[in-house]
Amino acid sequence: MDTEEFRRRGKEMVDFVADYMENLEERHVYPDVEPGYLHTLIPTEAPVEPESYEDIIKDVERVIMPGITHWHSPYFYAYFPAASSYPAMLGDMLSGAIGCIGFSWAASPACTELETVMLDWLGKMLQLPESFLAGTSGHGGGVIQGTASEATLMSLLAARCKAIRRVQSINPEKSESEILSKLVAYTSEQFCATLGTTPSCAFDHITELGPICNEENMWMHIDAAYAGSAFICPEFRPLLNGVEFADSFNMNAHKWLLVNFDCSTMWVKQRQDMIGAFKVDPLYLKHENQESGLVTDYRHWQIPLGRRFRALKMWFVFRMYGLNGLQAHIRKQVQLAKEFESLVRADKRFEICAEVIMGLVCFRLKGSNELNQKLLKSITKNREIHLVPCHLSGRFVLRLAICARPTESRHIQQAWRHITQLTFELLQDGCH
């Protein structure tokens, strides 16, 4: 493919993507395929000779689309949102074209510096304490990780390294392995201090946990993967009170802040704690500016060495939506969840199982776990909407999360009509 064909095919692909996004609600949100379906549709080996682009595009619809769960359909209510917006897609396109591997400042200065500034922008939107911001002279700072799991692992490893060094400073005769065998990590059922748990979007009392961690010299990591985006709204920001006690904080901009995956944003109070645990400095990665203290080499902040230019999509989204536009998106989806909650509460056959604070509604049919399992099975089989369950206090519960950017009230109303129709059929069957 030469430059001219790329221009032509690129424009066609943008049209293809726009058509896909625009007509998503016409597709079944959940695929109707069996495991291994794709193996029967394509050859067992790669082609020896080049194939035409036209044939490849035809096969996207024939081979790929039948096996896609459409996460950006307005009838997708499972898991949590996977953020998507056109500005983010365009930023990702440019990132792919530039194709730098930003392990160090010298590998592409803009890749590093834009990330530092974008994490400060977002940190200020969240009203994080000044200690978490890099600025030009701060001791903290932010980094883009791949997922919240990576951020949690990074905080664990940094905390472990810091604890070992602290013990060795008091007892130099103790070996690292001896200290390591005695270290303890304190967790809850959800692993760490959590703002917006996955099953029910519950919130830990970090204003109570934080002082204890500080008094005991324990590293406190806060995970707000889903709910964290909402803290840019003043009415939800009090839920983040207590973050000042934390050593590290993480949220996923790729869940609810219109920045496409992957963009898990993480901040630390003392970046030296992170760098100290991961510093990798072979000669071929050294550069003359790294000792100045003015630049960041993000390879010291993550598990992989290489990294994509992910800050570009943040920059595009933040500039094209503005803080007001991002807040409006969050508030709209919270309101849709409240609308669904009111529909559930109006039907005496159902019950709400957890407080609806963000865009997640946990509900169930009054009755046995088996009854609710049958309802979910029927919903999944029909493929009109997509939900996933959770267990809350031993009860099988259905989760409806407002996920897709284009979701409107009419989609919520249709989802509820569908659920109640299937419920009617299920209860009718149970009567016979």
Protein backbone atom coordinates (compact mmCIF):
# COMPACT_ATOMS: atom_id res chain seq x y z
CA MET A 1 0.00 0.00 0.00
CA ASP A 2 1.55 3.27 -1.09
CA THR A 3 0.76 6.75 0.20
CA GLU A 4 -1.96 7.42 -2.37
CA GLU A 5 -3.80 4.20 -1.63
CA PHE A 6 -3.42 4.87 2.09
CA ARG A 7 -5.12 8.27 1.62
CA ARG A 8 -8.01 6.59 -0.20
CA ARG A 9 -8.36 3.63 2.13
CA GLY A 10 -7.94 5.82 5.20
CA LYS A 11 -10.91 7.98 4.17
CA GLU A 12 -12.91 4.83 3.48
CA MET A 13 -12.05 3.46 6.92
CA VAL A 14 -13.17 6.67 8.64
CA ASP A 15 -16.50 6.32 6.79
CA PHE A 16 -16.68 2.65 7.79
CA VAL A 17 -16.07 3.50 11.45
CA ALA A 18 -18.55 6.40 11.40
CA ASP A 19 -21.22 4.16 9.82
CA TYR A 20 -20.51 1.45 12.38
CA MET A 21 -20.83 3.84 15.32
CA GLU A 22 -23.91 5.56 13.90
CA ASN A 23 -25.83 2.32 13.29
CA LEU A 24 -24.69 0.30 16.28
CA GLU A 25 -28.12 -0.01 17.88
CA GLU A 26 -29.35 -1.92 14.83
CA ARG A 27 -26.92 -4.77 15.61
CA HIS A 28 -27.51 -7.41 18.28
CA VAL A 29 -25.38 -6.26 21.18
CA TYR A 30 -24.26 -9.82 22.05
CA PRO A 31 -22.86 -12.33 19.52
CA ASP A 32 -24.57 -15.62 18.64
CA VAL A 33 -21.54 -17.83 18.03
CA GLU A 34 -19.99 -20.93 19.57
CA PRO A 35 -16.36 -21.21 20.72
CA GLY A 36 -14.11 -21.86 17.72
CA TYR A 37 -16.52 -20.27 15.21
CA LEU A 38 -13.79 -18.18 13.58
CA HIS A 39 -11.52 -21.15 12.77
CA THR A 40 -14.04 -22.41 10.22
CA LEU A 41 -14.24 -19.04 8.45
CA ILE A 42 -10.58 -18.36 7.63
CA PRO A 43 -7.66 -20.46 6.31
CA THR A 44 -5.41 -22.32 8.70
CA GLU A 45 -2.28 -20.56 7.39
CA ALA A 46 -1.33 -17.03 6.35
CA PRO A 47 -1.50 -16.28 2.60
CA VAL A 48 1.70 -16.64 0.60
CA GLU A 49 0.69 -13.97 -1.91
CA PRO A 50 -0.81 -10.56 -1.08
CA GLU A 51 -4.60 -10.32 -0.94
CA SER A 52 -6.73 -7.37 -1.99
CA TYR A 53 -7.89 -4.74 0.48
CA GLU A 54 -11.46 -5.18 -0.80
CA ASP A 55 -11.43 -8.84 0.22
CA ILE A 56 -10.12 -7.98 3.68
CA ILE A 57 -12.83 -5.38 4.26
CA LYS A 58 -15.53 -7.83 3.11
CA ASP A 59 -14.20 -10.32 5.64
CA VAL A 60 -14.51 -7.81 8.48
CA GLU A 61 -18.29 -8.15 8.20
CA ARG A 62 -18.22 -11.88 7.41
CA VAL A 63 -15.63 -13.02 9.96
CA ILE A 64 -15.16 -10.37 12.66
CA MET A 65 -18.52 -8.70 13.28
CA PRO A 66 -20.44 -11.95 14.04
CA GLY A 67 -18.08 -12.49 16.99
CA ILE A 68 -18.12 -8.96 18.40
CA THR A 69 -19.78 -7.94 21.65
CA HIS A 70 -20.65 -4.34 20.81
CA TRP A 71 -19.36 -2.46 23.85
CA HIS A 72 -20.41 0.91 22.43
CA SER A 73 -23.99 -0.08 21.65
CA PRO A 74 -26.59 1.89 23.64
CA TYR A 75 -27.92 -1.53 24.69
CA PHE A 76 -24.63 -2.59 26.28
CA TYR A 77 -25.07 -2.39 30.07
CA ALA A 78 -22.48 -4.93 31.22
CA TYR A 79 -19.27 -4.55 33.26
CA PHE A 80 -18.40 -0.82 33.26
CA PRO A 81 -18.05 1.64 30.35
CA ALA A 82 -15.28 1.37 27.79
CA ALA A 83 -14.78 5.02 26.95
CA SER A 84 -15.01 6.09 23.34
CA SER A 85 -15.13 9.38 21.48
CA TYR A 86 -14.21 10.60 18.03
CA PRO A 87 -11.52 13.01 19.31
CA ALA A 88 -9.86 10.09 21.17
CA MET A 89 -9.93 7.93 18.03
CA LEU A 90 -8.27 10.72 16.05
CA GLY A 91 -5.62 11.15 18.74
CA ASP A 92 -4.96 7.40 18.64
CA MET A 93 -4.64 7.55 14.86
CA LEU A 94 -1.95 10.19 15.15
CA SER A 95 -0.22 8.21 17.90
CA GLY A 96 -0.14 5.19 15.61
CA ALA A 97 1.29 7.26 12.78
CA ILE A 98 4.04 8.86 14.90
CA GLY A 99 4.76 5.41 16.31
CA CYS A 100 7.34 6.46 18.88
CA ILE A 101 8.26 4.15 21.76
CA GLY A 102 8.43 6.64 24.61
CA PHE A 103 10.52 4.84 27.20
CA SER A 104 12.65 7.93 27.82
CA TRP A 105 12.47 11.67 27.37
CA ALA A 106 15.10 11.48 24.60
CA ALA A 107 13.08 8.83 22.70
CA SER A 108 10.51 11.58 21.93
CA PRO A 109 10.42 14.58 24.27
CA ALA A 110 6.83 15.53 23.40
CA CYS A 111 5.60 12.02 24.29
CA THR A 112 6.94 12.37 27.83
CA GLU A 113 6.21 16.03 28.43
CA LEU A 114 2.62 15.96 27.16
CA GLU A 115 1.87 13.02 29.45
CA THR A 116 3.22 14.88 32.47
CA VAL A 117 1.12 17.95 31.62
CA MET A 118 -2.05 15.92 30.84
CA LEU A 119 -1.83 14.12 34.18
CA ASP A 120 -1.49 17.51 35.87
CA TRP A 121 -4.50 18.81 33.91
CA LEU A 122 -6.59 15.83 34.99
CA GLY A 123 -5.24 15.99 38.54
CA LYS A 124 -6.43 19.60 38.75
CA MET A 125 -9.85 18.64 37.33
CA LEU A 126 -10.08 16.09 40.15
CA GLN A 127 -8.81 18.66 42.68
CA LEU A 128 -6.07 16.28 43.79
CA PRO A 129 -3.78 17.67 46.49
CA GLU A 130 -0.86 19.67 45.13
CA SER A 131 1.51 16.94 46.32
CA PHE A 132 0.28 14.61 43.54
CA LEU A 133 1.08 17.07 40.75
CA ALA A 134 4.38 17.34 38.94
CA GLY A 135 4.19 20.98 37.89
CA THR A 136 7.75 22.12 37.29
CA SER A 137 9.17 21.38 40.71
CA GLY A 138 6.78 19.03 42.57
CA HIS A 139 7.83 15.71 44.09
CA GLY A 140 4.74 13.85 42.87
CA GLY A 141 3.32 13.30 39.44
CA GLY A 142 1.19 11.19 37.18
CA VAL A 143 1.69 8.41 34.65
CA ILE A 144 -0.52 6.52 32.20
CA GLN A 145 -0.65 2.79 32.96
CA GLY A 146 -2.37 0.18 30.81
CA THR A 147 -4.96 -0.88 33.39
CA ALA A 148 -5.89 -0.36 37.04
CA SER A 149 -4.42 -3.81 37.74
CA GLU A 150 -1.04 -2.55 36.52
CA ALA A 151 -1.36 0.53 38.71
CA THR A 152 -2.15 -1.64 41.74
CA LEU A 153 0.84 -3.89 41.01
CA MET A 154 3.10 -0.86 40.60
CA SER A 155 1.98 0.56 43.94
CA LEU A 156 2.52 -2.82 45.63
CA LEU A 157 6.04 -3.13 44.26
CA ALA A 158 6.94 0.46 45.11
CA ALA A 159 5.53 0.04 48.62
CA ARG A 160 7.51 -3.18 49.08
CA CYS A 161 10.76 -1.53 47.98
CA LYS A 162 10.15 1.45 50.26
CA ALA A 163 9.41 -0.82 53.25
CA ILE A 164 12.57 -2.88 52.68
CA ARG A 165 14.72 0.25 52.51
CA ARG A 166 13.12 1.67 55.64
CA VAL A 167 13.82 -1.51 57.63
CA GLN A 168 17.40 -1.72 56.29
CA SER A 169 18.05 1.88 57.30
CA ILE A 170 17.27 0.87 60.90
CA ASN A 171 18.71 -2.66 60.76
CA PRO A 172 21.49 -2.70 58.11
CA GLU A 173 22.41 -6.28 58.99
CA LYS A 174 19.04 -7.65 57.78
CA SER A 175 19.03 -9.07 54.25
CA GLU A 176 16.39 -8.16 51.70
CA SER A 177 15.07 -11.74 51.59
CA GLU A 178 14.72 -11.84 55.38
CA ILE A 179 12.73 -8.60 55.41
CA LEU A 180 10.67 -9.69 52.42
CA SER A 181 9.48 -12.83 54.19
CA LYS A 182 7.93 -10.73 56.96
CA LEU A 183 6.15 -8.06 54.91
CA VAL A 184 2.35 -8.00 55.03
CA ALA A 185 -0.17 -6.38 52.67
CA TYR A 186 -3.53 -5.47 54.22
CA THR A 187 -6.56 -5.81 51.96
CA SER A 188 -10.34 -5.88 52.05
CA GLU A 189 -12.56 -8.19 49.96
CA GLN A 190 -11.93 -5.76 47.05
CA PHE A 191 -8.12 -5.76 47.48
CA CYS A 192 -7.24 -2.25 48.29
CA ALA A 193 -8.93 0.96 49.34
CA THR A 194 -11.62 1.30 46.69
CA LEU A 195 -13.88 4.11 45.53
CA GLY A 196 -16.56 2.47 43.40
CA THR A 197 -16.24 -1.33 43.68
CA THR A 198 -16.89 -3.45 40.58
CA PRO A 199 -19.91 -5.44 41.86
CA SER A 200 -21.95 -2.58 43.33
CA CYS A 201 -19.98 0.70 43.09
CA ALA A 202 -19.55 0.84 46.87
CA PHE A 203 -17.17 3.33 48.51
CA ASP A 204 -14.63 2.67 51.26
CA HIS A 205 -14.32 5.25 54.06
CA ILE A 206 -10.88 6.51 53.12
CA THR A 207 -11.11 9.41 55.57
CA GLU A 208 -11.07 6.71 58.29
CA LEU A 209 -8.59 4.32 56.63
CA GLY A 210 -6.10 7.03 55.66
CA PRO A 211 -5.02 8.28 59.10
CA ILE A 212 -4.53 4.67 60.28
CA CYS A 213 -2.26 3.93 57.31
CA ASN A 214 -0.30 7.13 57.90
CA GLU A 215 0.13 6.43 61.62
CA GLU A 216 1.34 2.89 60.93
CA ASN A 217 3.67 4.00 58.10
CA MET A 218 1.73 1.89 55.58
CA TRP A 219 1.53 2.68 51.87
CA MET A 220 -2.07 3.48 50.98
CA HIS A 221 -3.20 2.96 47.38
CA ILE A 222 -6.67 4.08 46.31
CA ASP A 223 -8.37 2.49 43.30
CA ALA A 224 -11.18 4.53 41.75
CA ALA A 225 -11.03 2.85 38.34
CA TYR A 226 -14.65 3.51 37.32
CA ALA A 227 -15.99 6.13 39.70
CA GLY A 228 -12.90 8.35 39.62
CA SER A 229 -14.01 10.13 36.44
CA ALA A 230 -17.08 11.48 38.24
CA PHE A 231 -14.92 13.34 40.75
CA ILE A 232 -14.41 16.07 38.14
CA CYS A 233 -17.99 17.09 39.08
CA PRO A 234 -18.16 19.20 42.27
CA GLU A 235 -21.18 17.25 43.55
CA PHE A 236 -19.21 13.97 43.50
CA ARG A 237 -15.82 15.32 44.60
CA PRO A 238 -16.54 14.81 48.35
CA LEU A 239 -16.34 11.06 47.70
CA LEU A 240 -12.61 11.59 47.09
CA ASN A 241 -12.07 13.31 50.45
CA GLY A 242 -9.26 11.49 52.24
CA VAL A 243 -7.10 11.12 49.13
CA GLU A 244 -4.63 13.42 50.89
CA PHE A 245 -3.68 10.45 53.09
CA ALA A 246 -2.85 8.23 50.10
CA ASP A 247 0.57 7.50 48.63
CA SER A 248 -0.88 6.59 45.23
CA PHE A 249 -4.21 7.02 43.45
CA ASN A 250 -5.56 5.52 40.25
CA MET A 251 -8.58 5.96 37.98
CA ASN A 252 -9.34 4.79 34.45
CA ALA A 253 -9.93 7.65 32.02
CA HIS A 254 -10.65 4.82 29.55
CA LYS A 255 -13.77 3.84 31.48
CA TRP A 256 -15.89 6.97 31.83
CA LEU A 257 -13.94 9.97 30.61
CA LEU A 258 -14.28 9.51 26.83
CA VAL A 259 -10.62 8.52 26.35
CA ASN A 260 -10.33 5.20 24.48
CA PHE A 261 -8.55 2.21 26.03
CA ASP A 262 -5.85 2.06 27.25
CA CYS A 263 -5.50 5.04 29.57
CA SER A 264 -5.33 4.18 33.26
CA THR A 265 -4.16 7.31 35.04
CA MET A 266 -2.07 6.99 38.20
CA TRP A 267 -0.56 9.55 40.55
CA VAL A 268 2.06 9.22 43.29
CA LYS A 269 2.97 11.64 46.05
CA GLN A 270 6.68 10.88 45.87
CA ARG A 271 7.79 9.90 42.39
CA GLN A 272 11.15 8.88 43.82
CA ASP A 273 9.39 5.96 45.54
CA MET A 274 8.32 4.66 42.13
CA ILE A 275 11.60 5.35 40.37
CA GLY A 276 13.59 3.82 43.21
CA ALA A 277 11.78 0.51 42.78
CA PHE A 278 12.13 0.26 39.00
CA LYS A 279 15.15 2.20 37.83
CA VAL A 280 16.56 0.60 34.68
CA ASP A 281 19.59 2.39 33.24
CA PRO A 282 21.62 0.45 30.67
CA LEU A 283 24.08 2.59 28.73
CA TYR A 284 22.03 2.53 25.50
CA LEU A 285 19.07 4.18 27.28
CA LYS A 286 21.08 6.94 28.94
CA HIS A 287 20.87 10.50 27.63
CA GLU A 288 22.57 13.74 28.60
CA ASN A 289 19.46 15.39 30.07
CA GLN A 290 18.44 12.66 32.50
CA GLU A 291 20.66 13.86 35.33
CA SER A 292 19.31 17.40 35.17
CA GLY A 293 16.25 16.55 37.30
CA LEU A 294 14.07 18.40 34.79
CA VAL A 295 12.90 15.40 32.77
CA THR A 296 10.98 12.19 33.41
CA ASP A 297 11.89 8.80 31.98
CA TYR A 298 8.62 6.91 32.25
CA ARG A 299 10.27 3.52 31.82
CA HIS A 300 11.01 3.79 35.54
CA TRP A 301 7.28 4.14 36.32
CA GLN A 302 5.93 0.97 34.70
CA ILE A 303 6.40 -2.76 34.09
CA PRO A 304 7.05 -2.63 30.31
CA LEU A 305 10.00 -0.77 28.83
CA GLY A 306 8.16 0.61 25.80
CA ARG A 307 5.05 2.77 25.75
CA ARG A 308 2.77 4.37 23.18
CA PHE A 309 2.04 8.09 22.85
CA ARG A 310 -1.20 7.78 24.83
CA ALA A 311 -1.29 11.37 26.08
CA LEU A 312 -2.30 12.55 22.60
CA LYS A 313 -5.82 11.17 22.92
CA MET A 314 -6.18 12.82 26.33
CA TRP A 315 -5.08 16.12 24.84
CA PHE A 316 -7.58 15.84 21.97
CA VAL A 317 -10.46 14.89 24.28
CA PHE A 318 -9.81 17.48 26.98
CA ARG A 319 -9.51 20.27 24.41
CA MET A 320 -12.51 19.28 22.27
CA TYR A 321 -14.89 18.63 25.19
CA GLY A 322 -13.57 20.99 27.83
CA LEU A 323 -14.27 20.43 31.51
CA ASN A 324 -17.91 21.46 31.06
CA GLY A 325 -18.45 18.91 28.29
CA LEU A 326 -16.87 16.10 30.30
CA GLN A 327 -18.97 16.98 33.35
CA ALA A 328 -22.12 17.02 31.19
CA HIS A 329 -21.33 13.49 29.94
CA ILE A 330 -20.94 12.15 33.50
CA ARG A 331 -24.09 13.87 34.75
CA LYS A 332 -26.19 12.63 31.83
CA GLN A 333 -25.20 9.02 32.47
CA VAL A 334 -25.83 9.31 36.22
CA GLN A 335 -29.28 10.72 35.42
CA LEU A 336 -30.01 7.78 33.09
CA ALA A 337 -29.11 5.38 35.91
CA LYS A 338 -31.49 7.25 38.22
CA GLU A 339 -34.18 6.96 35.56
CA PHE A 340 -33.69 3.20 35.38
CA GLU A 341 -33.70 2.98 39.17
CA SER A 342 -37.10 4.70 39.28
CA LEU A 343 -38.51 2.22 36.74
CA VAL A 344 -37.30 -0.70 38.86
CA ARG A 345 -38.68 0.78 42.09
CA ALA A 346 -42.08 1.30 40.46
CA ASP A 347 -42.40 -2.44 39.78
CA LYS A 348 -43.23 -4.36 42.97
CA ARG A 349 -41.77 -7.58 41.53
CA PHE A 350 -38.25 -6.10 41.67
CA GLU A 351 -35.93 -4.66 44.28
CA ILE A 352 -32.90 -2.35 44.25
CA CYS A 353 -29.93 -4.03 45.94
CA ALA A 354 -27.42 -1.19 46.43
CA GLU A 355 -27.52 2.59 46.61
CA VAL A 356 -27.41 4.13 43.13
CA ILE A 357 -24.66 6.76 43.33
CA MET A 358 -23.06 6.73 39.87
CA GLY A 359 -24.13 5.07 36.61
CA LEU A 360 -24.68 1.55 38.01
CA VAL A 361 -27.98 0.01 39.11
CA CYS A 362 -27.94 -3.31 41.00
CA PHE A 363 -31.39 -4.94 40.98
CA ARG A 364 -33.12 -8.31 41.06
CA LEU A 365 -36.44 -10.04 40.94
CA LYS A 366 -37.80 -10.66 44.44
CA GLY A 367 -37.34 -14.38 44.88
CA SER A 368 -34.68 -17.04 44.59
CA ASN A 369 -31.21 -16.81 43.08
CA GLU A 370 -32.32 -19.47 40.60
CA LEU A 371 -35.17 -17.27 39.38
CA ASN A 372 -32.77 -14.37 38.75
CA GLN A 373 -30.30 -16.69 37.02
CA LYS A 374 -33.09 -17.80 34.68
CA LEU A 375 -34.00 -14.18 33.93
CA LEU A 376 -30.39 -13.32 33.08
CA LYS A 377 -30.09 -16.43 30.91
CA SER A 378 -33.18 -15.34 28.99
CA ILE A 379 -31.81 -11.78 28.57
CA THR A 380 -28.49 -13.11 27.26
CA LYS A 381 -30.18 -15.57 24.88
CA ASN A 382 -32.32 -12.82 23.34
CA ARG A 383 -29.24 -10.63 22.65
CA GLU A 384 -31.19 -7.33 22.68
CA ILE A 385 -29.39 -6.00 25.75
CA HIS A 386 -26.30 -7.19 27.59
CA LEU A 387 -26.05 -7.43 31.38
CA VAL A 388 -23.70 -9.27 33.75
CA PRO A 389 -24.42 -10.38 37.33
CA CYS A 390 -22.72 -10.10 40.69
CA HIS A 391 -23.15 -11.60 44.15
CA LEU A 392 -24.10 -9.27 46.99
CA SER A 393 -24.42 -10.85 50.44
CA GLY A 394 -25.05 -14.23 48.88
CA ARG A 395 -27.73 -12.99 46.50
CA PHE A 396 -27.54 -13.27 42.71
CA VAL A 397 -27.96 -9.70 41.45
CA LEU A 398 -28.25 -8.15 37.98
CA ARG A 399 -26.07 -5.13 37.20
CA LEU A 400 -27.13 -2.48 34.69
CA ALA A 401 -24.34 0.01 34.01
CA ILE A 402 -24.86 2.99 31.71
CA CYS A 403 -21.93 2.44 29.37
CA ALA A 404 -22.19 3.77 25.82
CA ARG A 405 -21.72 7.45 25.03
CA PRO A 406 -24.83 7.60 22.75
CA THR A 407 -27.21 6.03 25.32
CA GLU A 408 -30.41 8.05 25.71
CA SER A 409 -33.60 7.81 27.76
CA ARG A 410 -35.36 5.87 24.97
CA HIS A 411 -32.75 3.13 25.19
CA ILE A 412 -33.25 2.84 28.96
CA GLN A 413 -37.02 2.70 28.50
CA GLN A 414 -36.66 0.01 25.82
CA ALA A 415 -34.28 -2.01 27.99
CA TRP A 416 -36.79 -1.96 30.84
CA ARG A 417 -39.67 -2.96 28.54
CA HIS A 418 -37.55 -5.87 27.34
CA ILE A 419 -36.65 -6.97 30.89
CA THR A 420 -40.27 -6.80 32.06
CA GLN A 421 -41.52 -8.70 29.01
CA LEU A 422 -39.03 -11.51 29.65
CA THR A 423 -39.96 -11.41 33.33
CA PHE A 424 -43.64 -11.80 32.45
CA GLU A 425 -42.84 -14.81 30.24
CA LEU A 426 -40.62 -16.34 32.93
CA LEU A 427 -43.25 -15.98 35.65
CA GLN A 428 -45.98 -17.27 33.32
CA ASP A 429 -43.89 -20.38 32.62
CA GLY A 430 -43.42 -20.82 36.32
CA CYS A 431 -47.17 -20.88 36.83
CA HIS A 432 -47.71 -23.89 34.53
